[in-house]
């Protein structure tokens, strides 16, 4: 087939089904008997289908007709189209297990502890759901959801720096993590809680912030503002491993969520921040109205199962 089709020129699914039946059964009469249409009605529908696609699909063969090469090619496409439509309808009715591809975006530190275990659970429950994983920061994930580039996102924000959800998107929180102050081990005792007011001790110290996430930068400024000073950002890096290493080398201090700290390190002390600094909150993000699509629902369930949240 040739030509570009707008939505007003797309072939009618019912007529595509008649063409597939003609290819299968061989005669208009047999198609009529199989579908309940009259023979003349079948002929008229196939003539309209030719007009819709803009090419000859049938050619006379005595008292019968046969498919042209274009007709044969359209049948090949139609079989797949009709099967996909029927499968989608069955999924939406909930009459079969979820089937399909979900494009998932997640921020880096959630991929190993959150996404990978969820994919293992999903594979056991619904092996016909496939997932493409993309790593993106929350701002980019929201933009991709709005443009249709992905189907589901794992994002985060901070209770002290809440992120507005666009009206066409819907968020479902599933986890909260406490925040820690990472300091060189020789400077502080690990594990000892630190009040936000005590951060004033680090007013002259260099702070380490994320170069990609604007919320992370804003969090540092807001927490330090509560303590009464403006932080000096000495380093901006993306790798949390590098953040830990910079702290361990005595080159600054940092605020980290629980999943960002490297507990095995002996050169860094991780001090829990008091609740005044807030929490890091993880959420699933999708386009409004998409939660009921079975593959998305199945993946969302697999992700949130580990956290006891709906």
C-alpha atoms as a PDB file:
ATOM      1  CA  UNK A   1       0.000   0.000   0.000  1.00  0.00           C
ATOM      2  CA  UNK A   2       1.091   3.540  -0.594  1.00  0.00           C
ATOM      3  CA  UNK A   3      -0.041   6.896   0.667  1.00  0.00           C
ATOM      4  CA  UNK A   4      -0.372   8.652   4.002  1.00  0.00           C
ATOM      5  CA  UNK A   5      -3.644   8.441   5.862  1.00  0.00           C
ATOM      6  CA  UNK A   6      -5.187  10.866   8.300  1.00  0.00           C
ATOM      7  CA  UNK A   7      -7.511   9.497  10.946  1.00  0.00           C
ATOM      8  CA  UNK A   8     -10.487  10.230   8.670  1.00  0.00           C
ATOM      9  CA  UNK A   9      -9.038   7.813   6.054  1.00  0.00           C
ATOM     10  CA  UNK A  10      -8.209   4.874   8.321  1.00  0.00           C
ATOM     11  CA  UNK A  11      -9.790   1.599   7.160  1.00  0.00           C
ATOM     12  CA  UNK A  12     -12.902   0.455   9.015  1.00  0.00           C
ATOM     13  CA  UNK A  13     -12.133  -2.554  11.222  1.00  0.00           C
ATOM     14  CA  UNK A  14     -15.318  -4.346  10.185  1.00  0.00           C
ATOM     15  CA  UNK A  15     -14.371  -4.103   6.513  1.00  0.00           C
ATOM     16  CA  UNK A  16     -10.850  -5.283   7.280  1.00  0.00           C
ATOM     17  CA  UNK A  17     -12.383  -8.316   8.951  1.00  0.00           C
ATOM     18  CA  UNK A  18     -14.431  -9.047   5.806  1.00  0.00           C
ATOM     19  CA  UNK A  19     -11.273  -8.905   3.683  1.00  0.00           C
ATOM     20  CA  UNK A  20      -9.511 -11.342   6.021  1.00  0.00           C
ATOM     21  CA  UNK A  21     -12.525 -13.665   5.822  1.00  0.00           C
ATOM     22  CA  UNK A  22     -12.491 -13.485   2.015  1.00  0.00           C
ATOM     23  CA  UNK A  23      -8.838 -14.465   2.009  1.00  0.00           C
ATOM     24  CA  UNK A  24      -9.608 -17.349   4.373  1.00  0.00           C
ATOM     25  CA  UNK A  25     -12.835 -18.623   2.775  1.00  0.00           C
ATOM     26  CA  UNK A  26     -12.243 -17.798  -0.890  1.00  0.00           C
ATOM     27  CA  UNK A  27     -15.688 -16.566  -2.039  1.00  0.00           C
ATOM     28  CA  UNK A  28     -18.098 -13.719  -1.333  1.00  0.00           C
ATOM     29  CA  UNK A  29     -20.851 -16.262  -0.731  1.00  0.00           C
ATOM     30  CA  UNK A  30     -18.820 -18.053   1.910  1.00  0.00           C
ATOM     31  CA  UNK A  31     -18.028 -14.750   3.621  1.00  0.00           C
ATOM     32  CA  UNK A  32     -21.718 -13.832   3.573  1.00  0.00           C
ATOM     33  CA  UNK A  33     -22.672 -17.156   5.139  1.00  0.00           C
ATOM     34  CA  UNK A  34     -19.964 -16.809   7.801  1.00  0.00           C
ATOM     35  CA  UNK A  35     -20.752 -13.235   8.790  1.00  0.00           C
ATOM     36  CA  UNK A  36     -24.504 -12.988   8.303  1.00  0.00           C
ATOM     37  CA  UNK A  37     -24.205 -10.286   5.649  1.00  0.00           C
ATOM     38  CA  UNK A  38     -25.807 -10.652   2.207  1.00  0.00           C
ATOM     39  CA  UNK A  39     -23.415 -11.301  -0.666  1.00  0.00           C
ATOM     40  CA  UNK A  40     -24.132  -7.896  -2.196  1.00  0.00           C
ATOM     41  CA  UNK A  41     -23.471  -6.206   1.157  1.00  0.00           C
ATOM     42  CA  UNK A  42     -20.104  -7.943   1.426  1.00  0.00           C
ATOM     43  CA  UNK A  43     -19.238  -6.779  -2.083  1.00  0.00           C
ATOM     44  CA  UNK A  44     -20.241  -3.187  -1.296  1.00  0.00           C
ATOM     45  CA  UNK A  45     -18.245  -3.104   1.936  1.00  0.00           C
ATOM     46  CA  UNK A  46     -15.128  -4.358   0.170  1.00  0.00           C
ATOM     47  CA  UNK A  47     -15.606  -1.751  -2.561  1.00  0.00           C
ATOM     48  CA  UNK A  48     -15.749   0.940   0.130  1.00  0.00           C
ATOM     49  CA  UNK A  49     -12.589  -0.526   1.699  1.00  0.00           C
ATOM     50  CA  UNK A  50     -10.815  -0.098  -1.631  1.00  0.00           C
ATOM     51  CA  UNK A  51     -11.865   3.550  -1.616  1.00  0.00           C
ATOM     52  CA  UNK A  52     -10.612   3.975   1.972  1.00  0.00           C
ATOM     53  CA  UNK A  53      -7.140   2.649   1.220  1.00  0.00           C
ATOM     54  CA  UNK A  54      -6.936   4.081  -2.287  1.00  0.00           C
ATOM     55  CA  UNK A  55      -5.747   0.924  -4.103  1.00  0.00           C
ATOM     56  CA  UNK A  56      -7.313  -2.056  -5.867  1.00  0.00           C
ATOM     57  CA  UNK A  57      -7.687  -4.961  -3.467  1.00  0.00           C
ATOM     58  CA  UNK A  58      -9.716  -7.376  -5.622  1.00  0.00           C
ATOM     59  CA  UNK A  59      -9.586  -8.477  -9.226  1.00  0.00           C
ATOM     60  CA  UNK A  60     -12.189 -10.561 -11.143  1.00  0.00           C
ATOM     61  CA  UNK A  61     -11.394 -14.247 -11.664  1.00  0.00           C
ATOM     62  CA  UNK A  62     -14.273 -15.709 -13.674  1.00  0.00           C
ATOM     63  CA  UNK A  63     -17.328 -15.597 -11.458  1.00  0.00           C
ATOM     64  CA  UNK A  64     -15.165 -15.164  -8.419  1.00  0.00           C
ATOM     65  CA  UNK A  65     -12.662 -12.577  -7.226  1.00  0.00           C
ATOM     66  CA  UNK A  66      -9.128 -12.896  -5.992  1.00  0.00           C
ATOM     67  CA  UNK A  67      -6.951 -10.602  -3.974  1.00  0.00           C
ATOM     68  CA  UNK A  68      -4.432  -8.383  -5.714  1.00  0.00           C
ATOM     69  CA  UNK A  69      -0.876  -8.203  -4.314  1.00  0.00           C
ATOM     70  CA  UNK A  70      -1.958  -5.051  -2.451  1.00  0.00           C
ATOM     71  CA  UNK A  71      -4.953  -6.958  -1.092  1.00  0.00           C
ATOM     72  CA  UNK A  72      -2.721  -9.788   0.094  1.00  0.00           C
ATOM     73  CA  UNK A  73      -0.429  -7.298   1.801  1.00  0.00           C
ATOM     74  CA  UNK A  74      -3.349  -5.566   3.488  1.00  0.00           C
ATOM     75  CA  UNK A  75      -4.562  -8.921   4.803  1.00  0.00           C
ATOM     76  CA  UNK A  76      -1.164  -9.508   6.395  1.00  0.00           C
ATOM     77  CA  UNK A  77      -1.452  -6.157   8.171  1.00  0.00           C
ATOM     78  CA  UNK A  78      -5.130  -6.641   9.002  1.00  0.00           C
ATOM     79  CA  UNK A  79      -4.566  -9.950  10.768  1.00  0.00           C
ATOM     80  CA  UNK A  80      -2.151  -8.285  13.178  1.00  0.00           C
ATOM     81  CA  UNK A  81      -4.350  -5.204  13.599  1.00  0.00           C
ATOM     82  CA  UNK A  82      -7.484  -7.194  14.387  1.00  0.00           C
ATOM     83  CA  UNK A  83      -5.634  -9.499  16.777  1.00  0.00           C
ATOM     84  CA  UNK A  84      -4.183  -6.504  18.626  1.00  0.00           C
ATOM     85  CA  UNK A  85      -7.591  -4.826  18.881  1.00  0.00           C
ATOM     86  CA  UNK A  86      -9.231  -7.976  20.194  1.00  0.00           C
ATOM     87  CA  UNK A  87      -6.438  -8.500  22.709  1.00  0.00           C
ATOM     88  CA  UNK A  88      -6.687  -4.893  23.879  1.00  0.00           C
ATOM     89  CA  UNK A  89     -10.454  -5.189  24.294  1.00  0.00           C
ATOM     90  CA  UNK A  90     -10.018  -8.368  26.323  1.00  0.00           C
ATOM     91  CA  UNK A  91      -7.431  -6.680  28.544  1.00  0.00           C
ATOM     92  CA  UNK A  92      -9.633  -3.659  29.147  1.00  0.00           C
ATOM     93  CA  UNK A  93     -12.530  -5.919  30.068  1.00  0.00           C
ATOM     94  CA  UNK A  94     -10.233  -7.746  32.474  1.00  0.00           C
ATOM     95  CA  UNK A  95     -10.957 -11.101  30.832  1.00  0.00           C
ATOM     96  CA  UNK A  96      -7.314 -12.056  30.403  1.00  0.00           C
ATOM     97  CA  UNK A  97      -4.022 -11.537  32.142  1.00  0.00           C
ATOM     98  CA  UNK A  98      -2.176  -8.270  31.419  1.00  0.00           C
ATOM     99  CA  UNK A  99      -0.260  -8.217  28.147  1.00  0.00           C
ATOM    100  CA  UNK A 100       1.780  -5.407  26.679  1.00  0.00           C
ATOM    101  CA  UNK A 101       4.788  -3.124  26.953  1.00  0.00           C
ATOM    102  CA  UNK A 102       5.225  -0.449  29.618  1.00  0.00           C
ATOM    103  CA  UNK A 103       7.853   2.272  29.232  1.00  0.00           C
ATOM    104  CA  UNK A 104       9.066   3.083  32.747  1.00  0.00           C
ATOM    105  CA  UNK A 105      11.272   6.009  33.772  1.00  0.00           C
ATOM    106  CA  UNK A 106      12.949   6.063  37.179  1.00  0.00           C
ATOM    107  CA  UNK A 107      15.502   8.181  38.972  1.00  0.00           C
ATOM    108  CA  UNK A 108      18.883   6.553  39.460  1.00  0.00           C
ATOM    109  CA  UNK A 109      18.798   5.567  43.137  1.00  0.00           C
ATOM    110  CA  UNK A 110      15.420   3.831  42.775  1.00  0.00           C
ATOM    111  CA  UNK A 111      16.455   1.522  39.929  1.00  0.00           C
ATOM    112  CA  UNK A 112      18.262  -1.135  41.992  1.00  0.00           C
ATOM    113  CA  UNK A 113      16.281  -1.114  45.269  1.00  0.00           C
ATOM    114  CA  UNK A 114      12.809  -0.444  43.811  1.00  0.00           C
ATOM    115  CA  UNK A 115      12.548  -1.156  40.089  1.00  0.00           C
ATOM    116  CA  UNK A 116      14.612  -4.339  39.743  1.00  0.00           C
ATOM    117  CA  UNK A 117      12.830  -6.264  42.557  1.00  0.00           C
ATOM    118  CA  UNK A 118       9.492  -5.095  41.117  1.00  0.00           C
ATOM    119  CA  UNK A 119      10.425  -6.408  37.663  1.00  0.00           C
ATOM    120  CA  UNK A 120      11.285  -9.778  39.190  1.00  0.00           C
ATOM    121  CA  UNK A 121       7.851  -9.908  40.892  1.00  0.00           C
ATOM    122  CA  UNK A 122       6.150  -8.806  37.679  1.00  0.00           C
ATOM    123  CA  UNK A 123       7.916 -11.476  35.611  1.00  0.00           C
ATOM    124  CA  UNK A 124       6.669 -14.183  37.977  1.00  0.00           C
ATOM    125  CA  UNK A 125       3.074 -12.917  38.013  1.00  0.00           C
ATOM    126  CA  UNK A 126       2.568 -11.619  34.479  1.00  0.00           C
ATOM    127  CA  UNK A 127       5.293 -12.844  32.117  1.00  0.00           C
ATOM    128  CA  UNK A 128       3.560 -11.302  29.101  1.00  0.00           C
ATOM    129  CA  UNK A 129       4.072  -7.769  30.384  1.00  0.00           C
ATOM    130  CA  UNK A 130       7.385  -6.344  29.185  1.00  0.00           C
ATOM    131  CA  UNK A 131       9.022  -3.236  30.641  1.00  0.00           C
ATOM    132  CA  UNK A 132      11.483  -0.794  29.110  1.00  0.00           C
ATOM    133  CA  UNK A 133      13.486   1.011  31.804  1.00  0.00           C
ATOM    134  CA  UNK A 134      14.798   4.532  31.268  1.00  0.00           C
ATOM    135  CA  UNK A 135      16.771   6.585  33.796  1.00  0.00           C
ATOM    136  CA  UNK A 136      15.561  10.171  34.165  1.00  0.00           C
ATOM    137  CA  UNK A 137      15.310  12.840  36.834  1.00  0.00           C
ATOM    138  CA  UNK A 138      11.738  13.656  37.986  1.00  0.00           C
ATOM    139  CA  UNK A 139      11.450  16.857  35.912  1.00  0.00           C
ATOM    140  CA  UNK A 140      12.277  15.003  32.701  1.00  0.00           C
ATOM    141  CA  UNK A 141      10.034  12.075  33.644  1.00  0.00           C
ATOM    142  CA  UNK A 142       7.026  14.391  34.036  1.00  0.00           C
ATOM    143  CA  UNK A 143       7.745  15.996  30.659  1.00  0.00           C
ATOM    144  CA  UNK A 144       7.998  12.583  28.975  1.00  0.00           C
ATOM    145  CA  UNK A 145       4.695  11.488  30.508  1.00  0.00           C
ATOM    146  CA  UNK A 146       2.961  14.620  29.253  1.00  0.00           C
ATOM    147  CA  UNK A 147       4.327  14.111  25.734  1.00  0.00           C
ATOM    148  CA  UNK A 148       3.516  10.387  25.657  1.00  0.00           C
ATOM    149  CA  UNK A 149       7.173   9.328  25.579  1.00  0.00           C
ATOM    150  CA  UNK A 150       6.769   7.008  28.582  1.00  0.00           C
ATOM    151  CA  UNK A 151       3.853   5.317  30.366  1.00  0.00           C
ATOM    152  CA  UNK A 152       4.833   5.292  34.047  1.00  0.00           C
ATOM    153  CA  UNK A 153       7.368   7.148  36.160  1.00  0.00           C
ATOM    154  CA  UNK A 154       9.075   6.628  39.500  1.00  0.00           C
ATOM    155  CA  UNK A 155       9.770  10.126  40.855  1.00  0.00           C
ATOM    156  CA  UNK A 156      10.634  11.814  44.122  1.00  0.00           C
ATOM    157  CA  UNK A 157      10.268  15.124  45.879  1.00  0.00           C
ATOM    158  CA  UNK A 158      10.915  16.474  49.366  1.00  0.00           C
ATOM    159  CA  UNK A 159       8.261  17.392  51.899  1.00  0.00           C
ATOM    160  CA  UNK A 160      10.184  20.619  52.411  1.00  0.00           C
ATOM    161  CA  UNK A 161      10.252  21.200  48.621  1.00  0.00           C
ATOM    162  CA  UNK A 162       6.925  19.764  47.389  1.00  0.00           C
ATOM    163  CA  UNK A 163       6.571  19.230  43.658  1.00  0.00           C
ATOM    164  CA  UNK A 164       3.333  20.309  41.944  1.00  0.00           C
ATOM    165  CA  UNK A 165       1.734  17.575  39.817  1.00  0.00           C
ATOM    166  CA  UNK A 166       0.454  18.836  36.429  1.00  0.00           C
ATOM    167  CA  UNK A 167      -3.336  18.477  36.105  1.00  0.00           C
ATOM    168  CA  UNK A 168      -3.061  15.918  33.299  1.00  0.00           C
ATOM    169  CA  UNK A 169      -0.910  13.658  35.489  1.00  0.00           C
ATOM    170  CA  UNK A 170      -1.688  11.676  38.629  1.00  0.00           C
ATOM    171  CA  UNK A 171       0.707  10.732  41.453  1.00  0.00           C
ATOM    172  CA  UNK A 172       0.562   7.788  43.861  1.00  0.00           C
ATOM    173  CA  UNK A 173       3.016   8.033  46.804  1.00  0.00           C
ATOM    174  CA  UNK A 174       4.501   4.730  47.956  1.00  0.00           C
ATOM    175  CA  UNK A 175       7.570   5.423  50.114  1.00  0.00           C
ATOM    176  CA  UNK A 176       9.156   7.977  52.454  1.00  0.00           C
ATOM    177  CA  UNK A 177      12.820   8.102  53.435  1.00  0.00           C
ATOM    178  CA  UNK A 178      14.490  10.083  56.233  1.00  0.00           C
ATOM    179  CA  UNK A 179      17.325  12.490  55.470  1.00  0.00           C
ATOM    180  CA  UNK A 180      20.905  12.311  56.710  1.00  0.00           C
ATOM    181  CA  UNK A 181      23.761  14.755  57.025  1.00  0.00           C
ATOM    182  CA  UNK A 182      26.934  13.199  55.606  1.00  0.00           C
ATOM    183  CA  UNK A 183      30.106  14.563  57.218  1.00  0.00           C
ATOM    184  CA  UNK A 184      33.747  13.418  57.311  1.00  0.00           C
ATOM    185  CA  UNK A 185      34.069  10.626  59.890  1.00  0.00           C
ATOM    186  CA  UNK A 186      36.788  12.358  61.890  1.00  0.00           C
ATOM    187  CA  UNK A 187      34.544  15.363  62.356  1.00  0.00           C
ATOM    188  CA  UNK A 188      31.419  13.801  63.856  1.00  0.00           C
ATOM    189  CA  UNK A 189      30.210  10.536  65.368  1.00  0.00           C
ATOM    190  CA  UNK A 190      28.146   8.451  62.974  1.00  0.00           C
ATOM    191  CA  UNK A 191      24.546   7.796  63.932  1.00  0.00           C
ATOM    192  CA  UNK A 192      24.171  10.725  66.328  1.00  0.00           C
ATOM    193  CA  UNK A 193      21.032  12.699  65.377  1.00  0.00           C
ATOM    194  CA  UNK A 194      21.521  16.302  64.403  1.00  0.00           C
ATOM    195  CA  UNK A 195      19.003  19.095  64.941  1.00  0.00           C
ATOM    196  CA  UNK A 196      18.524  21.495  62.051  1.00  0.00           C
ATOM    197  CA  UNK A 197      19.705  24.336  64.270  1.00  0.00           C
ATOM    198  CA  UNK A 198      23.050  22.528  64.688  1.00  0.00           C
ATOM    199  CA  UNK A 199      23.709  22.878  60.961  1.00  0.00           C
ATOM    200  CA  UNK A 200      24.923  26.400  61.706  1.00  0.00           C
ATOM    201  CA  UNK A 201      28.186  24.681  62.689  1.00  0.00           C
ATOM    202  CA  UNK A 202      28.684  24.072  58.967  1.00  0.00           C
ATOM    203  CA  UNK A 203      27.976  27.608  57.784  1.00  0.00           C
ATOM    204  CA  UNK A 204      31.594  28.007  56.630  1.00  0.00           C
ATOM    205  CA  UNK A 205      31.863  24.481  55.235  1.00  0.00           C
ATOM    206  CA  UNK A 206      31.474  23.691  51.550  1.00  0.00           C
ATOM    207  CA  UNK A 207      28.260  21.879  50.664  1.00  0.00           C
ATOM    208  CA  UNK A 208      27.800  19.273  47.937  1.00  0.00           C
ATOM    209  CA  UNK A 209      24.694  19.472  45.752  1.00  0.00           C
ATOM    210  CA  UNK A 210      23.259  17.626  42.759  1.00  0.00           C
ATOM    211  CA  UNK A 211      23.955  19.175  39.359  1.00  0.00           C
ATOM    212  CA  UNK A 212      20.778  17.791  37.758  1.00  0.00           C
ATOM    213  CA  UNK A 213      18.007  17.883  40.335  1.00  0.00           C
ATOM    214  CA  UNK A 214      16.891  21.422  41.107  1.00  0.00           C
ATOM    215  CA  UNK A 215      14.880  20.132  44.076  1.00  0.00           C
ATOM    216  CA  UNK A 216      18.019  18.748  45.719  1.00  0.00           C
ATOM    217  CA  UNK A 217      19.696  22.142  45.451  1.00  0.00           C
ATOM    218  CA  UNK A 218      16.607  23.892  46.813  1.00  0.00           C
ATOM    219  CA  UNK A 219      16.449  21.430  49.725  1.00  0.00           C
ATOM    220  CA  UNK A 220      19.986  22.339  50.821  1.00  0.00           C
ATOM    221  CA  UNK A 221      19.147  26.045  50.704  1.00  0.00           C
ATOM    222  CA  UNK A 222      15.865  25.667  52.616  1.00  0.00           C
ATOM    223  CA  UNK A 223      17.305  23.456  55.362  1.00  0.00           C
ATOM    224  CA  UNK A 224      20.238  25.827  55.818  1.00  0.00           C
ATOM    225  CA  UNK A 225      17.879  28.822  55.815  1.00  0.00           C
ATOM    226  CA  UNK A 226      16.039  27.271  58.772  1.00  0.00           C
ATOM    227  CA  UNK A 227      19.407  27.063  60.520  1.00  0.00           C
ATOM    228  CA  UNK A 228      20.003  30.739  59.721  1.00  0.00           C
ATOM    229  CA  UNK A 229      22.654  30.789  57.000  1.00  0.00           C
ATOM    230  CA  UNK A 230      23.166  30.618  53.215  1.00  0.00           C
ATOM    231  CA  UNK A 231      25.170  27.522  52.222  1.00  0.00           C
ATOM    232  CA  UNK A 232      28.262  27.764  50.064  1.00  0.00           C
ATOM    233  CA  UNK A 233      27.899  25.160  47.307  1.00  0.00           C
ATOM    234  CA  UNK A 234      31.412  23.851  46.758  1.00  0.00           C
ATOM    235  CA  UNK A 235      30.659  20.942  44.419  1.00  0.00           C
ATOM    236  CA  UNK A 236      27.853  19.871  42.089  1.00  0.00           C
ATOM    237  CA  UNK A 237      27.955  16.207  41.075  1.00  0.00           C
ATOM    238  CA  UNK A 238      25.441  13.642  39.833  1.00  0.00           C
ATOM    239  CA  UNK A 239      26.964  10.431  41.197  1.00  0.00           C
ATOM    240  CA  UNK A 240      25.922   9.665  44.768  1.00  0.00           C
ATOM    241  CA  UNK A 241      29.011   7.475  45.084  1.00  0.00           C
ATOM    242  CA  UNK A 242      31.098  10.540  44.237  1.00  0.00           C
ATOM    243  CA  UNK A 243      29.156  12.602  46.786  1.00  0.00           C
ATOM    244  CA  UNK A 244      30.050  10.051  49.464  1.00  0.00           C
ATOM    245  CA  UNK A 245      33.672  10.038  48.310  1.00  0.00           C
ATOM    246  CA  UNK A 246      33.950  13.835  48.359  1.00  0.00           C
ATOM    247  CA  UNK A 247      32.602  13.890  51.906  1.00  0.00           C
ATOM    248  CA  UNK A 248      34.976  11.107  52.941  1.00  0.00           C
ATOM    249  CA  UNK A 249      37.873  13.083  51.501  1.00  0.00           C
ATOM    250  CA  UNK A 250      36.953  16.034  53.727  1.00  0.00           C
ATOM    251  CA  UNK A 251      35.877  18.220  50.794  1.00  0.00           C
ATOM    252  CA  UNK A 252      32.383  19.058  52.003  1.00  0.00           C
ATOM    253  CA  UNK A 253      29.154  17.915  53.640  1.00  0.00           C
ATOM    254  CA  UNK A 254      25.914  16.781  52.009  1.00  0.00           C
ATOM    255  CA  UNK A 255      22.257  16.010  52.615  1.00  0.00           C
ATOM    256  CA  UNK A 256      21.331  12.483  51.502  1.00  0.00           C
ATOM    257  CA  UNK A 257      18.228  10.335  51.589  1.00  0.00           C
ATOM    258  CA  UNK A 258      18.648   6.912  53.182  1.00  0.00           C
ATOM    259  CA  UNK A 259      19.101   5.129  49.827  1.00  0.00           C
ATOM    260  CA  UNK A 260      21.966   7.483  48.915  1.00  0.00           C
ATOM    261  CA  UNK A 261      24.225   6.722  51.863  1.00  0.00           C
ATOM    262  CA  UNK A 262      27.021   4.147  51.654  1.00  0.00           C
ATOM    263  CA  UNK A 263      26.947   2.530  55.085  1.00  0.00           C
ATOM    264  CA  UNK A 264      30.066   0.459  54.497  1.00  0.00           C
ATOM    265  CA  UNK A 265      32.250   3.565  54.401  1.00  0.00           C
ATOM    266  CA  UNK A 266      34.542   4.237  57.352  1.00  0.00           C
ATOM    267  CA  UNK A 267      35.506   7.716  56.197  1.00  0.00           C
ATOM    268  CA  UNK A 268      31.966   9.183  56.365  1.00  0.00           C
ATOM    269  CA  UNK A 269      29.639   9.693  59.325  1.00  0.00           C
ATOM    270  CA  UNK A 270      25.918   9.662  58.514  1.00  0.00           C
ATOM    271  CA  UNK A 271      23.881  11.645  61.039  1.00  0.00           C
ATOM    272  CA  UNK A 272      20.061  11.416  60.947  1.00  0.00           C
ATOM    273  CA  UNK A 273      18.455  14.833  60.540  1.00  0.00           C
ATOM    274  CA  UNK A 274      15.587  15.761  62.801  1.00  0.00           C
ATOM    275  CA  UNK A 275      12.061  15.707  61.269  1.00  0.00           C
ATOM    276  CA  UNK A 276      12.081  19.487  60.792  1.00  0.00           C
ATOM    277  CA  UNK A 277      14.163  18.842  57.657  1.00  0.00           C
ATOM    278  CA  UNK A 278      11.357  16.705  56.264  1.00  0.00           C
ATOM    279  CA  UNK A 279      11.488  13.498  54.214  1.00  0.00           C
ATOM    280  CA  UNK A 280      12.175  12.392  50.678  1.00  0.00           C
ATOM    281  CA  UNK A 281       8.968  11.020  49.154  1.00  0.00           C
ATOM    282  CA  UNK A 282       8.811   8.558  46.252  1.00  0.00           C
ATOM    283  CA  UNK A 283       5.749   8.330  44.014  1.00  0.00           C
ATOM    284  CA  UNK A 284       4.487   6.672  40.882  1.00  0.00           C
ATOM    285  CA  UNK A 285       3.414   9.116  38.199  1.00  0.00           C
ATOM    286  CA  UNK A 286       1.148   8.412  35.229  1.00  0.00           C
ATOM    287  CA  UNK A 287      -1.220  10.201  32.918  1.00  0.00           C
ATOM    288  CA  UNK A 288      -4.625  10.673  34.529  1.00  0.00           C
ATOM    289  CA  UNK A 289      -6.927   7.820  33.542  1.00  0.00           C
ATOM    290  CA  UNK A 290      -4.113   5.380  32.680  1.00  0.00           C
ATOM    291  CA  UNK A 291      -3.938   3.564  36.012  1.00  0.00           C
ATOM    292  CA  UNK A 292      -6.616   1.071  34.963  1.00  0.00           C
ATOM    293  CA  UNK A 293      -4.719  -0.112  31.869  1.00  0.00           C
ATOM    294  CA  UNK A 294      -3.795  -3.665  32.949  1.00  0.00           C
ATOM    295  CA  UNK A 295      -0.045  -3.615  32.165  1.00  0.00           C
ATOM    296  CA  UNK A 296       0.397  -0.307  34.030  1.00  0.00           C
ATOM    297  CA  UNK A 297      -1.773  -1.539  36.906  1.00  0.00           C
ATOM    298  CA  UNK A 298       0.276  -4.747  37.117  1.00  0.00           C
ATOM    299  CA  UNK A 299       3.611  -2.901  37.181  1.00  0.00           C
ATOM    300  CA  UNK A 300       2.353  -0.337  39.693  1.00  0.00           C
ATOM    301  CA  UNK A 301       1.192  -3.162  41.952  1.00  0.00           C
ATOM    302  CA  UNK A 302       4.560  -4.907  41.666  1.00  0.00           C
ATOM    303  CA  UNK A 303       6.381  -1.708  42.644  1.00  0.00           C
ATOM    304  CA  UNK A 304       4.181  -0.740  45.588  1.00  0.00           C
ATOM    305  CA  UNK A 305       3.889  -4.283  46.976  1.00  0.00           C
ATOM    306  CA  UNK A 306       7.162  -3.891  48.822  1.00  0.00           C
ATOM    307  CA  UNK A 307       5.927  -0.841  50.701  1.00  0.00           C
ATOM    308  CA  UNK A 308       2.454  -1.729  51.921  1.00  0.00           C
ATOM    309  CA  UNK A 309       0.930   1.209  50.051  1.00  0.00           C
ATOM    310  CA  UNK A 310      -1.936   1.258  47.536  1.00  0.00           C
END
